[in-house]
PDB file of N, CA and C in Angstrom:
ATOM      1  N   MET A   1      57.467 -23.742 -24.155  1.00  0.00           N
ATOM      2  CA  MET A   1      56.228 -23.700 -23.671  1.00  0.00           C
ATOM      3  C   MET A   1      55.828 -21.939 -24.032  1.00  0.00           C
ATOM      4  N   TYR A   2      57.482 -21.149 -25.116  1.00  0.00           N
ATOM      5  CA  TYR A   2      57.190 -20.381 -25.947  1.00  0.00           C
ATOM      6  C   TYR A   2      56.970 -20.536 -26.915  1.00  0.00           C
ATOM      7  N   THR A   3      56.896 -21.764 -27.721  1.00  0.00           N
ATOM      8  CA  THR A   3      56.269 -22.492 -29.031  1.00  0.00           C
ATOM      9  C   THR A   3      54.080 -22.254 -28.700  1.00  0.00           C
ATOM     10  N   ILE A   4      54.317 -22.867 -27.806  1.00  0.00           N
ATOM     11  CA  ILE A   4      53.079 -23.342 -27.735  1.00  0.00           C
ATOM     12  C   ILE A   4      51.878 -21.701 -27.299  1.00  0.00           C
ATOM     13  N   PHE A   5      52.864 -20.809 -26.345  1.00  0.00           N
ATOM     14  CA  PHE A   5      51.803 -19.395 -26.940  1.00  0.00           C
ATOM     15  C   PHE A   5      52.225 -18.568 -28.064  1.00  0.00           C
ATOM     16  N   LYS A   6      53.818 -19.089 -28.914  1.00  0.00           N
ATOM     17  CA  LYS A   6      53.549 -18.165 -30.637  1.00  0.00           C
ATOM     18  C   LYS A   6      52.726 -18.665 -31.166  1.00  0.00           C
ATOM     19  N   ARG A   7      52.370 -20.034 -30.953  1.00  0.00           N
ATOM     20  CA  ARG A   7      51.737 -20.993 -31.999  1.00  0.00           C
ATOM     21  C   ARG A   7      49.643 -20.389 -31.393  1.00  0.00           C
ATOM     22  N   PHE A   8      49.535 -19.884 -30.351  1.00  0.00           N
ATOM     23  CA  PHE A   8      47.898 -19.208 -29.720  1.00  0.00           C
ATOM     24  C   PHE A   8      47.938 -18.310 -30.534  1.00  0.00           C
ATOM     25  N   ALA A   9      48.652 -17.357 -30.340  1.00  0.00           N
ATOM     26  CA  ALA A   9      49.147 -15.678 -30.749  1.00  0.00           C
ATOM     27  C   ALA A   9      49.091 -16.391 -31.878  1.00  0.00           C
ATOM     28  N   ILE A  10      49.936 -16.938 -32.880  1.00  0.00           N
ATOM     29  CA  ILE A  10      49.165 -16.859 -34.178  1.00  0.00           C
ATOM     30  C   ILE A  10      47.585 -16.836 -34.885  1.00  0.00           C
ATOM     31  N   TYR A  11      47.558 -18.037 -34.223  1.00  0.00           N
ATOM     32  CA  TYR A  11      45.648 -19.128 -34.301  1.00  0.00           C
ATOM     33  C   TYR A  11      44.871 -17.521 -34.126  1.00  0.00           C
ATOM     34  N   LEU A  12      44.903 -16.756 -32.997  1.00  0.00           N
ATOM     35  CA  LEU A  12      44.326 -16.219 -32.659  1.00  0.00           C
ATOM     36  C   LEU A  12      44.203 -14.734 -33.937  1.00  0.00           C
ATOM     37  N   PHE A  13      45.587 -14.635 -33.763  1.00  0.00           N
ATOM     38  CA  PHE A  13      45.417 -13.157 -34.760  1.00  0.00           C
ATOM     39  C   PHE A  13      44.782 -13.666 -36.012  1.00  0.00           C
ATOM     40  N   VAL A  14      45.490 -14.661 -36.519  1.00  0.00           N
ATOM     41  CA  VAL A  14      44.113 -14.891 -38.253  1.00  0.00           C
ATOM     42  C   VAL A  14      42.922 -14.701 -37.044  1.00  0.00           C
ATOM     43  N   PHE A  15      42.565 -15.915 -36.618  1.00  0.00           N
ATOM     44  CA  PHE A  15      40.981 -15.556 -36.207  1.00  0.00           C
ATOM     45  C   PHE A  15      40.820 -14.257 -36.338  1.00  0.00           C
ATOM     46  N   CYS A  16      41.338 -13.478 -35.587  1.00  0.00           N
ATOM     47  CA  CYS A  16      41.008 -11.850 -36.106  1.00  0.00           C
ATOM     48  C   CYS A  16      40.914 -11.737 -36.989  1.00  0.00           C
ATOM     49  N   LEU A  17      41.705 -11.777 -38.291  1.00  0.00           N
ATOM     50  CA  LEU A  17      41.510 -10.995 -39.271  1.00  0.00           C
ATOM     51  C   LEU A  17      40.201 -11.638 -40.279  1.00  0.00           C
ATOM     52  N   PHE A  18      40.150 -13.090 -40.429  1.00  0.00           N
ATOM     53  CA  PHE A  18      38.932 -12.976 -40.225  1.00  0.00           C
ATOM     54  C   PHE A  18      37.660 -13.112 -39.685  1.00  0.00           C
ATOM     55  N   ALA A  19      37.617 -12.747 -38.719  1.00  0.00           N
ATOM     56  CA  ALA A  19      36.737 -13.288 -37.584  1.00  0.00           C
ATOM     57  C   ALA A  19      35.824 -11.109 -38.094  1.00  0.00           C
ATOM     58  N   ALA A  20      37.284 -10.422 -38.079  1.00  0.00           N
ATOM     59  CA  ALA A  20      36.778  -8.475 -37.808  1.00  0.00           C
ATOM     60  C   ALA A  20      35.926  -7.891 -39.169  1.00  0.00           C
ATOM     61  N   PRO A  21      36.075  -9.204 -40.077  1.00  0.00           N
ATOM     62  CA  PRO A  21      35.045  -8.023 -40.974  1.00  0.00           C
ATOM     63  C   PRO A  21      33.747  -9.012 -41.252  1.00  0.00           C
ATOM     64  N   LEU A  22      33.572 -10.218 -40.508  1.00  0.00           N
ATOM     65  CA  LEU A  22      32.326  -9.982 -40.546  1.00  0.00           C
ATOM     66  C   LEU A  22      31.810 -10.045 -39.370  1.00  0.00           C
ATOM     67  N   ALA A  23      31.956  -9.487 -38.635  1.00  0.00           N
ATOM     68  CA  ALA A  23      31.766  -8.203 -37.176  1.00  0.00           C
ATOM     69  C   ALA A  23      31.638  -7.358 -37.472  1.00  0.00           C
ATOM     70  N   SER A  24      31.440  -6.966 -38.713  1.00  0.00           N
ATOM     71  CA  SER A  24      31.882  -5.724 -38.876  1.00  0.00           C
ATOM     72  C   SER A  24      30.204  -4.226 -39.247  1.00  0.00           C
ATOM     73  N   GLY A  25      29.631  -5.704 -39.643  1.00  0.00           N
ATOM     74  CA  GLY A  25      28.426  -6.077 -40.052  1.00  0.00           C
ATOM     75  C   GLY A  25      26.960  -5.490 -39.025  1.00  0.00           C
ATOM     76  N   ALA A  26      27.123  -5.965 -37.878  1.00  0.00           N
ATOM     77  CA  ALA A  26      27.288  -5.378 -36.315  1.00  0.00           C
ATOM     78  C   ALA A  26      26.964  -4.216 -36.160  1.00  0.00           C
ATOM     79  N   PHE A  27      28.108  -4.125 -36.305  1.00  0.00           N
ATOM     80  CA  PHE A  27      28.444  -2.023 -36.088  1.00  0.00           C
ATOM     81  C   PHE A  27      27.891  -1.083 -37.066  1.00  0.00           C
ATOM     82  N   ALA A  28      27.622  -1.759 -38.138  1.00  0.00           N
ATOM     83  CA  ALA A  28      27.206  -0.558 -39.601  1.00  0.00           C
ATOM     84  C   ALA A  28      25.845   0.193 -38.583  1.00  0.00           C
ATOM     85  N   GLN A  29      25.316   0.937 -39.149  1.00  0.00           N
ATOM     86  CA  GLN A  29      24.614   1.964 -38.727  1.00  0.00           C
ATOM     87  C   GLN A  29      23.124   2.058 -39.689  1.00  0.00           C
ATOM     88  N   ASN A  30      21.960   2.286 -39.401  1.00  0.00           N
ATOM     89  CA  ASN A  30      20.853   2.524 -39.824  1.00  0.00           C
ATOM     90  C   ASN A  30      21.119   4.135 -40.486  1.00  0.00           C
ATOM     91  N   SER A  31      21.448   5.488 -41.035  1.00  0.00           N
ATOM     92  CA  SER A  31      21.363   6.797 -40.416  1.00  0.00           C
ATOM     93  C   SER A  31      19.852   6.924 -40.565  1.00  0.00           C
ATOM     94  N   VAL A  32      18.870   7.094 -41.158  1.00  0.00           N
ATOM     95  CA  VAL A  32      18.003   7.290 -41.076  1.00  0.00           C
ATOM     96  C   VAL A  32      16.962   6.532 -40.204  1.00  0.00           C
ATOM     97  N   ASN A  33      17.109   5.477 -39.688  1.00  0.00           N
ATOM     98  CA  ASN A  33      16.184   4.918 -38.085  1.00  0.00           C
ATOM     99  C   ASN A  33      16.866   5.345 -37.768  1.00  0.00           C
ATOM    100  N   ASP A  34      17.893   5.649 -37.517  1.00  0.00           N
ATOM    101  CA  ASP A  34      18.789   6.702 -36.227  1.00  0.00           C
ATOM    102  C   ASP A  34      18.486   7.656 -36.220  1.00  0.00           C
ATOM    103  N   ARG A  35      17.319   8.367 -36.745  1.00  0.00           N
ATOM    104  CA  ARG A  35      16.935   9.558 -36.820  1.00  0.00           C
ATOM    105  C   ARG A  35      15.978   9.888 -36.509  1.00  0.00           C
ATOM    106  N   GLU A  36      15.074   9.024 -37.101  1.00  0.00           N
ATOM    107  CA  GLU A  36      13.289   8.367 -37.044  1.00  0.00           C
ATOM    108  C   GLU A  36      13.524   8.086 -35.929  1.00  0.00           C
ATOM    109  N   GLU A  37      14.934   7.357 -35.070  1.00  0.00           N
ATOM    110  CA  GLU A  37      14.576   6.924 -33.253  1.00  0.00           C
ATOM    111  C   GLU A  37      14.457   8.100 -32.488  1.00  0.00           C
ATOM    112  N   GLN A  38      15.229   9.043 -32.496  1.00  0.00           N
ATOM    113  CA  GLN A  38      16.146  10.320 -32.317  1.00  0.00           C
ATOM    114  C   GLN A  38      14.902  10.976 -32.049  1.00  0.00           C
ATOM    115  N   ALA A  39      14.261  11.644 -33.260  1.00  0.00           N
ATOM    116  CA  ALA A  39      13.038  12.438 -33.312  1.00  0.00           C
ATOM    117  C   ALA A  39      12.490  12.046 -32.553  1.00  0.00           C
ATOM    118  N   ALA A  40      11.686  10.249 -32.154  1.00  0.00           N
ATOM    119  CA  ALA A  40      10.624  10.185 -31.706  1.00  0.00           C
ATOM    120  C   ALA A  40      11.243  10.260 -30.632  1.00  0.00           C
ATOM    121  N   THR A  41      12.429   9.639 -29.774  1.00  0.00           N
ATOM    122  CA  THR A  41      12.285   9.904 -28.496  1.00  0.00           C
ATOM    123  C   THR A  41      12.874  11.046 -28.214  1.00  0.00           C
ATOM    124  N   GLU A  42      13.009  12.445 -29.073  1.00  0.00           N
ATOM    125  CA  GLU A  42      13.301  13.278 -28.308  1.00  0.00           C
ATOM    126  C   GLU A  42      11.378  14.144 -28.458  1.00  0.00           C
ATOM    127  N   ALA A  43      10.221  13.780 -29.159  1.00  0.00           N
ATOM    128  CA  ALA A  43       8.842  13.906 -29.555  1.00  0.00           C
ATOM    129  C   ALA A  43       8.970  13.364 -27.959  1.00  0.00           C
ATOM    130  N   VAL A  44       9.036  12.057 -27.340  1.00  0.00           N
ATOM    131  CA  VAL A  44       8.177  11.681 -25.968  1.00  0.00           C
ATOM    132  C   VAL A  44       8.685  11.761 -25.136  1.00  0.00           C
ATOM    133  N   VAL A  45       9.932  12.679 -24.652  1.00  0.00           N
ATOM    134  CA  VAL A  45      10.860  13.707 -24.105  1.00  0.00           C
ATOM    135  C   VAL A  45      10.557  15.116 -23.397  1.00  0.00           C
ATOM    136  N   PHE A  46      10.254  15.690 -24.481  1.00  0.00           N
ATOM    137  CA  PHE A  46       9.131  16.717 -24.449  1.00  0.00           C
ATOM    138  C   PHE A  46       8.124  16.715 -24.026  1.00  0.00           C
ATOM    139  N   ASP A  47       7.003  15.719 -24.750  1.00  0.00           N
ATOM    140  CA  ASP A  47       5.662  15.383 -24.530  1.00  0.00           C
ATOM    141  C   ASP A  47       5.304  15.054 -22.715  1.00  0.00           C
ATOM    142  N   ALA A  48       6.448  14.598 -22.546  1.00  0.00           N
ATOM    143  CA  ALA A  48       6.324  14.373 -21.110  1.00  0.00           C
ATOM    144  C   ALA A  48       6.855  14.863 -20.352  1.00  0.00           C
ATOM    145  N   LEU A  49       7.078  15.815 -20.422  1.00  0.00           N
ATOM    146  CA  LEU A  49       8.327  17.086 -19.474  1.00  0.00           C
ATOM    147  C   LEU A  49       7.644  18.331 -19.733  1.00  0.00           C
ATOM    148  N   ILE A  50       7.275  18.926 -20.742  1.00  0.00           N
ATOM    149  CA  ILE A  50       6.530  20.342 -21.051  1.00  0.00           C
ATOM    150  C   ILE A  50       5.277  19.758 -21.707  1.00  0.00           C
ATOM    151  N   VAL A  51       4.950  19.343 -22.360  1.00  0.00           N
ATOM    152  CA  VAL A  51       3.452  19.355 -22.729  1.00  0.00           C
ATOM    153  C   VAL A  51       2.283  18.482 -21.772  1.00  0.00           C
ATOM    154  N   ARG A  52       3.035  16.927 -21.350  1.00  0.00           N
ATOM    155  CA  ARG A  52       1.583  16.835 -20.645  1.00  0.00           C
ATOM    156  C   ARG A  52       1.166  17.961 -19.380  1.00  0.00           C
ATOM    157  N   PRO A  53       2.712  18.523 -18.063  1.00  0.00           N
ATOM    158  CA  PRO A  53       2.296  19.464 -17.100  1.00  0.00           C
ATOM    159  C   PRO A  53       1.096  20.530 -18.141  1.00  0.00           C
ATOM    160  N   VAL A  54       1.492  21.465 -18.718  1.00  0.00           N
ATOM    161  CA  VAL A  54       0.550  22.622 -19.576  1.00  0.00           C
ATOM    162  C   VAL A  54      -0.454  21.636 -20.042  1.00  0.00           C
ATOM    163  N   GLY A  55      -0.984  20.580 -20.501  1.00  0.00           N
ATOM    164  CA  GLY A  55      -1.868  20.281 -20.362  1.00  0.00           C
ATOM    165  C   GLY A  55      -2.612  19.506 -18.744  1.00  0.00           C
ATOM    166  N   ILE A  56      -2.348  19.141 -17.884  1.00  0.00           N
ATOM    167  CA  ILE A  56      -2.857  19.398 -16.590  1.00  0.00           C
ATOM    168  C   ILE A  56      -3.142  20.757 -15.947  1.00  0.00           C
ATOM    169  N   VAL A  57      -1.891  21.618 -16.255  1.00  0.00           N
ATOM    170  CA  VAL A  57      -2.928  22.763 -15.848  1.00  0.00           C
ATOM    171  C   VAL A  57      -3.865  23.791 -16.558  1.00  0.00           C
ATOM    172  N   GLY A  58      -3.783  23.197 -17.958  1.00  0.00           N
ATOM    173  CA  GLY A  58      -4.878  23.610 -18.856  1.00  0.00           C
ATOM    174  C   GLY A  58      -6.788  22.938 -18.648  1.00  0.00           C
ATOM    175  N   THR A  59      -5.994  21.612 -18.156  1.00  0.00           N
ATOM    176  CA  THR A  59      -7.762  20.703 -17.503  1.00  0.00           C
ATOM    177  C   THR A  59      -7.907  21.137 -16.244  1.00  0.00           C
ATOM    178  N   ILE A  60      -7.087  21.507 -15.269  1.00  0.00           N
ATOM    179  CA  ILE A  60      -7.598  22.725 -13.874  1.00  0.00           C
ATOM    180  C   ILE A  60      -8.126  24.213 -14.420  1.00  0.00           C
ATOM    181  N   PHE A  61      -7.758  24.117 -15.085  1.00  0.00           N
ATOM    182  CA  PHE A  61      -7.778  26.137 -15.257  1.00  0.00           C
ATOM    183  C   PHE A  61      -9.380  26.038 -16.241  1.00  0.00           C
ATOM    184  N   GLY A  62      -9.385  24.530 -17.316  1.00  0.00           N
ATOM    185  CA  GLY A  62     -10.866  24.236 -17.930  1.00  0.00           C
ATOM    186  C   GLY A  62     -11.685  24.356 -17.000  1.00  0.00           C
ATOM    187  N   CYS A  63     -11.398  23.372 -15.978  1.00  0.00           N
ATOM    188  CA  CYS A  63     -12.045  22.800 -14.443  1.00  0.00           C
ATOM    189  C   CYS A  63     -13.050  24.440 -14.656  1.00  0.00           C
ATOM    190  N   GLY A  64     -12.053  25.261 -13.748  1.00  0.00           N
ATOM    191  CA  GLY A  64     -12.257  26.467 -13.242  1.00  0.00           C
ATOM    192  C   GLY A  64     -13.242  27.556 -13.493  1.00  0.00           C
ATOM    193  N   VAL A  65     -12.544  27.693 -15.212  1.00  0.00           N
ATOM    194  CA  VAL A  65     -13.692  28.424 -15.688  1.00  0.00           C
ATOM    195  C   VAL A  65     -14.663  28.325 -16.332  1.00  0.00           C
ATOM    196  N   PHE A  66     -14.914  26.728 -16.350  1.00  0.00           N
ATOM    197  CA  PHE A  66     -16.481  25.696 -16.481  1.00  0.00           C
ATOM    198  C   PHE A  66     -17.477  26.039 -14.993  1.00  0.00           C
ATOM    199  N   ILE A  67     -17.038  26.262 -13.728  1.00  0.00           N
ATOM    200  CA  ILE A  67     -17.324  26.150 -12.907  1.00  0.00           C
ATOM    201  C   ILE A  67     -17.800  27.691 -12.621  1.00  0.00           C
ATOM    202  N   VAL A  68     -17.171  28.906 -13.222  1.00  0.00           N
ATOM    203  CA  VAL A  68     -17.407  29.824 -13.629  1.00  0.00           C
ATOM    204  C   VAL A  68     -18.646  30.520 -14.658  1.00  0.00           C
ATOM    205  N   SER A  69     -18.422  29.548 -14.935  1.00  0.00           N
ATOM    206  CA  SER A  69     -19.337  30.028 -16.799  1.00  0.00           C
ATOM    207  C   SER A  69     -20.307  28.463 -16.205  1.00  0.00           C
ATOM    208  N   LEU A  70     -20.298  28.394 -15.351  1.00  0.00           N
ATOM    209  CA  LEU A  70     -21.902  26.959 -15.625  1.00  0.00           C
ATOM    210  C   LEU A  70     -23.034  28.084 -15.102  1.00  0.00           C
ATOM    211  N   PRO A  71     -24.016  29.153 -14.389  1.00  0.00           N
ATOM    212  CA  PRO A  71     -24.812  29.556 -14.036  1.00  0.00           C
ATOM    213  C   PRO A  71     -24.752  30.267 -15.278  1.00  0.00           C
ATOM    214  N   PHE A  72     -24.918  30.898 -16.593  1.00  0.00           N
ATOM    215  CA  PHE A  72     -24.407  31.478 -17.733  1.00  0.00           C
ATOM    216  C   PHE A  72     -24.521  30.284 -18.781  1.00  0.00           C
ATOM    217  N   SER A  73     -24.380  28.974 -18.910  1.00  0.00           N
ATOM    218  CA  SER A  73     -24.585  27.315 -19.471  1.00  0.00           C
ATOM    219  C   SER A  73     -25.473  26.735 -19.232  1.00  0.00           C
ATOM    220  N   MET A  74     -25.893  27.088 -18.382  1.00  0.00           N
ATOM    221  CA  MET A  74     -27.057  26.786 -17.771  1.00  0.00           C
ATOM    222  C   MET A  74     -28.574  27.468 -18.140  1.00  0.00           C
ATOM    223  N   LEU A  75     -28.828  28.768 -18.069  1.00  0.00           N
ATOM    224  CA  LEU A  75     -29.335  29.666 -19.029  1.00  0.00           C
ATOM    225  C   LEU A  75     -29.717  29.386 -20.133  1.00  0.00           C
ATOM    226  N   ASP A  76     -29.017  29.126 -20.728  1.00  0.00           N
ATOM    227  CA  ASP A  76     -28.205  29.084 -21.850  1.00  0.00           C
ATOM    228  C   ASP A  76     -28.424  27.669 -22.858  1.00  0.00           C
ATOM    229  N   ASP A  77     -29.395  26.180 -21.990  1.00  0.00           N
ATOM    230  CA  ASP A  77     -28.712  24.868 -22.253  1.00  0.00           C
ATOM    231  C   ASP A  77     -27.549  23.984 -22.636  1.00  0.00           C
ATOM    232  N   SER A  78     -26.655  24.763 -22.098  1.00  0.00           N
ATOM    233  CA  SER A  78     -25.004  24.437 -23.511  1.00  0.00           C
ATOM    234  C   SER A  78     -24.439  24.552 -22.818  1.00  0.00           C
ATOM    235  N   VAL A  79     -24.778  23.088 -21.202  1.00  0.00           N
ATOM    236  CA  VAL A  79     -24.407  23.584 -19.385  1.00  0.00           C
ATOM    237  C   VAL A  79     -22.723  21.625 -20.580  1.00  0.00           C
ATOM    238  N   ASP A  80     -23.415  20.031 -21.587  1.00  0.00           N
ATOM    239  CA  ASP A  80     -22.837  19.948 -22.327  1.00  0.00           C
ATOM    240  C   ASP A  80     -21.929  20.737 -22.999  1.00  0.00           C
ATOM    241  N   LYS A  81     -21.721  20.732 -24.013  1.00  0.00           N
ATOM    242  CA  LYS A  81     -21.101  21.863 -25.011  1.00  0.00           C
ATOM    243  C   LYS A  81     -19.854  22.436 -24.189  1.00  0.00           C
ATOM    244  N   ALA A  82     -20.508  23.194 -23.624  1.00  0.00           N
ATOM    245  CA  ALA A  82     -19.120  23.892 -22.655  1.00  0.00           C
ATOM    246  C   ALA A  82     -18.794  22.917 -21.207  1.00  0.00           C
ATOM    247  N   PHE A  83     -19.190  22.796 -20.804  1.00  0.00           N
ATOM    248  CA  PHE A  83     -18.097  20.461 -20.122  1.00  0.00           C
ATOM    249  C   PHE A  83     -17.128  20.151 -21.712  1.00  0.00           C
ATOM    250  N   ASN A  84     -17.637  19.691 -22.082  1.00  0.00           N
ATOM    251  CA  ASN A  84     -16.832  19.468 -23.332  1.00  0.00           C
ATOM    252  C   ASN A  84     -15.660  20.045 -23.906  1.00  0.00           C
ATOM    253  N   THR A  85     -15.794  21.001 -24.306  1.00  0.00           N
ATOM    254  CA  THR A  85     -14.896  22.111 -24.670  1.00  0.00           C
ATOM    255  C   THR A  85     -13.531  22.827 -23.959  1.00  0.00           C
ATOM    256  N   LEU A  86     -14.333  22.961 -22.181  1.00  0.00           N
ATOM    257  CA  LEU A  86     -13.468  23.176 -21.450  1.00  0.00           C
ATOM    258  C   LEU A  86     -12.618  22.290 -20.614  1.00  0.00           C
ATOM    259  N   VAL A  87     -13.608  20.994 -20.196  1.00  0.00           N
ATOM    260  CA  VAL A  87     -12.849  19.976 -19.601  1.00  0.00           C
ATOM    261  C   VAL A  87     -12.716  18.988 -20.272  1.00  0.00           C
ATOM    262  N   THR A  88     -13.197  17.990 -20.843  1.00  0.00           N
ATOM    263  CA  THR A  88     -13.178  16.943 -21.680  1.00  0.00           C
ATOM    264  C   THR A  88     -12.215  16.555 -22.158  1.00  0.00           C
ATOM    265  N   GLN A  89     -12.369  18.368 -23.435  1.00  0.00           N
ATOM    266  CA  GLN A  89     -11.242  18.276 -24.668  1.00  0.00           C
ATOM    267  C   GLN A  89      -9.820  17.903 -23.639  1.00  0.00           C
ATOM    268  N   PRO A  90      -9.506  18.927 -23.099  1.00  0.00           N
ATOM    269  CA  PRO A  90      -8.161  18.818 -22.705  1.00  0.00           C
ATOM    270  C   PRO A  90      -7.509  18.129 -21.475  1.00  0.00           C
ATOM    271  N   ALA A  91      -8.800  16.819 -20.685  1.00  0.00           N
ATOM    272  CA  ALA A  91      -8.676  15.634 -20.301  1.00  0.00           C
ATOM    273  C   ALA A  91      -7.874  15.187 -21.162  1.00  0.00           C
ATOM    274  N   LYS A  92      -9.021  14.710 -22.290  1.00  0.00           N
ATOM    275  CA  LYS A  92      -8.498  13.922 -23.075  1.00  0.00           C
ATOM    276  C   LYS A  92      -7.305  13.763 -24.050  1.00  0.00           C
ATOM    277  N   TYR A  93      -6.489  14.909 -24.354  1.00  0.00           N
ATOM    278  CA  TYR A  93      -5.880  15.892 -24.905  1.00  0.00           C
ATOM    279  C   TYR A  93      -4.526  14.964 -23.794  1.00  0.00           C
ATOM    280  N   THR A  94      -4.476  15.060 -22.576  1.00  0.00           N
ATOM    281  CA  THR A  94      -3.393  15.031 -21.638  1.00  0.00           C
ATOM    282  C   THR A  94      -3.340  13.787 -21.029  1.00  0.00           C
ATOM    283  N   PHE A  95      -4.402  12.708 -21.207  1.00  0.00           N
ATOM    284  CA  PHE A  95      -4.458  11.827 -20.887  1.00  0.00           C
ATOM    285  C   PHE A  95      -4.726  10.051 -21.304  1.00  0.00           C
ATOM    286  N   LYS A  96      -5.546  10.673 -22.457  1.00  0.00           N
ATOM    287  CA  LYS A  96      -5.782   9.713 -23.121  1.00  0.00           C
ATOM    288  C   LYS A  96      -4.463   9.188 -24.464  1.00  0.00           C
ATOM    289  N   ARG A  97      -3.875  10.641 -25.115  1.00  0.00           N
ATOM    290  CA  ARG A  97      -2.527   9.793 -26.344  1.00  0.00           C
ATOM    291  C   ARG A  97      -1.491   9.521 -25.545  1.00  0.00           C
ATOM    292  N   SER A  98      -1.224   9.268 -26.628  1.00  0.00           N
ATOM    293  CA  SER A  98       0.174   7.591 -26.198  1.00  0.00           C
ATOM    294  C   SER A  98       1.333   9.149 -26.305  1.00  0.00           C
ATOM    295  N   LEU A  99       2.346   8.910 -25.850  1.00  0.00           N
ATOM    296  CA  LEU A  99       3.678   9.745 -25.863  1.00  0.00           C
ATOM    297  C   LEU A  99       4.204  10.562 -27.024  1.00  0.00           C
ATOM    298  N   GLY A 100       4.085  11.612 -27.056  1.00  0.00           N
ATOM    299  CA  GLY A 100       4.491  11.892 -28.178  1.00  0.00           C
ATOM    300  C   GLY A 100       3.793  11.797 -29.590  1.00  0.00           C
ATOM    301  N   ASP A 101       2.413  11.836 -28.953  1.00  0.00           N
ATOM    302  CA  ASP A 101       1.502  11.869 -30.331  1.00  0.00           C
ATOM    303  C   ASP A 101       1.238  13.288 -30.190  1.00  0.00           C
ATOM    304  N   PHE A 102       0.918  14.319 -31.162  1.00  0.00           N
ATOM    305  CA  PHE A 102       0.914  14.899 -31.402  1.00  0.00           C
ATOM    306  C   PHE A 102      -0.381  15.832 -31.804  1.00  0.00           C
TER     307      PHE A 102
END
């Protein structure tokens, strides 16, 4: 019984000696890709937690300013321009673009 265990241990040791260099390529990392992925991840998190909520507040604030400026815009026939500037552009910035795309 002892000789079978000893033989198995030797075979396992030899196998590990030959398999370890082959497996080391799987653990290699490309630092440039990792930095780019980390920067992209940070941009997505920053966008989701800070920029999007600020964009929602900006869209709501723009709607309020548009309602206040509506009588003056009607006199000047620039309702479409005011709506586009105060409501549509902040809404598109907040809801239409991809996460992390500034």
